[in-house]
């Protein structure tokens, strides 16, 4: 059973930084694409970033490109999302998700049940 546990969210000031971690278990870590999806109140889910298992290709939504950075440590079964230059519009619940198909993260109508694994989420609030 795929299990994903997020940590590292919290309150940050505009321009600040946070590091999110996603610890995974219950599956062969390096056979899944793992990424981050966020949802702000009243808005659709947005695939923020993912990193593919096959070739470590990364993807970033235009809204976070050049500000966020994703990485994975296979030895620790952990994926990280570094959030820099944070903006108030980055405020959302950030979910870690896993799937064998990377394009799942690009589907604007995505639902948690569509993924092989979905975490409980961690709140990121950006406010002065």
Foldseek 3Di string as FASTA:
>chain_A
DKAKAKDWADEAAQQAKIKMKIAIDDDQLLQKKKFKWWDDPPDFIAGAKIAHSPPRDMDGDPVQPPAKDWDDDNVRNMIMIMGGSDDQVVWTWMKMFIANDPCLNVDRNHDCVVGPYIYPTDTHGYHD
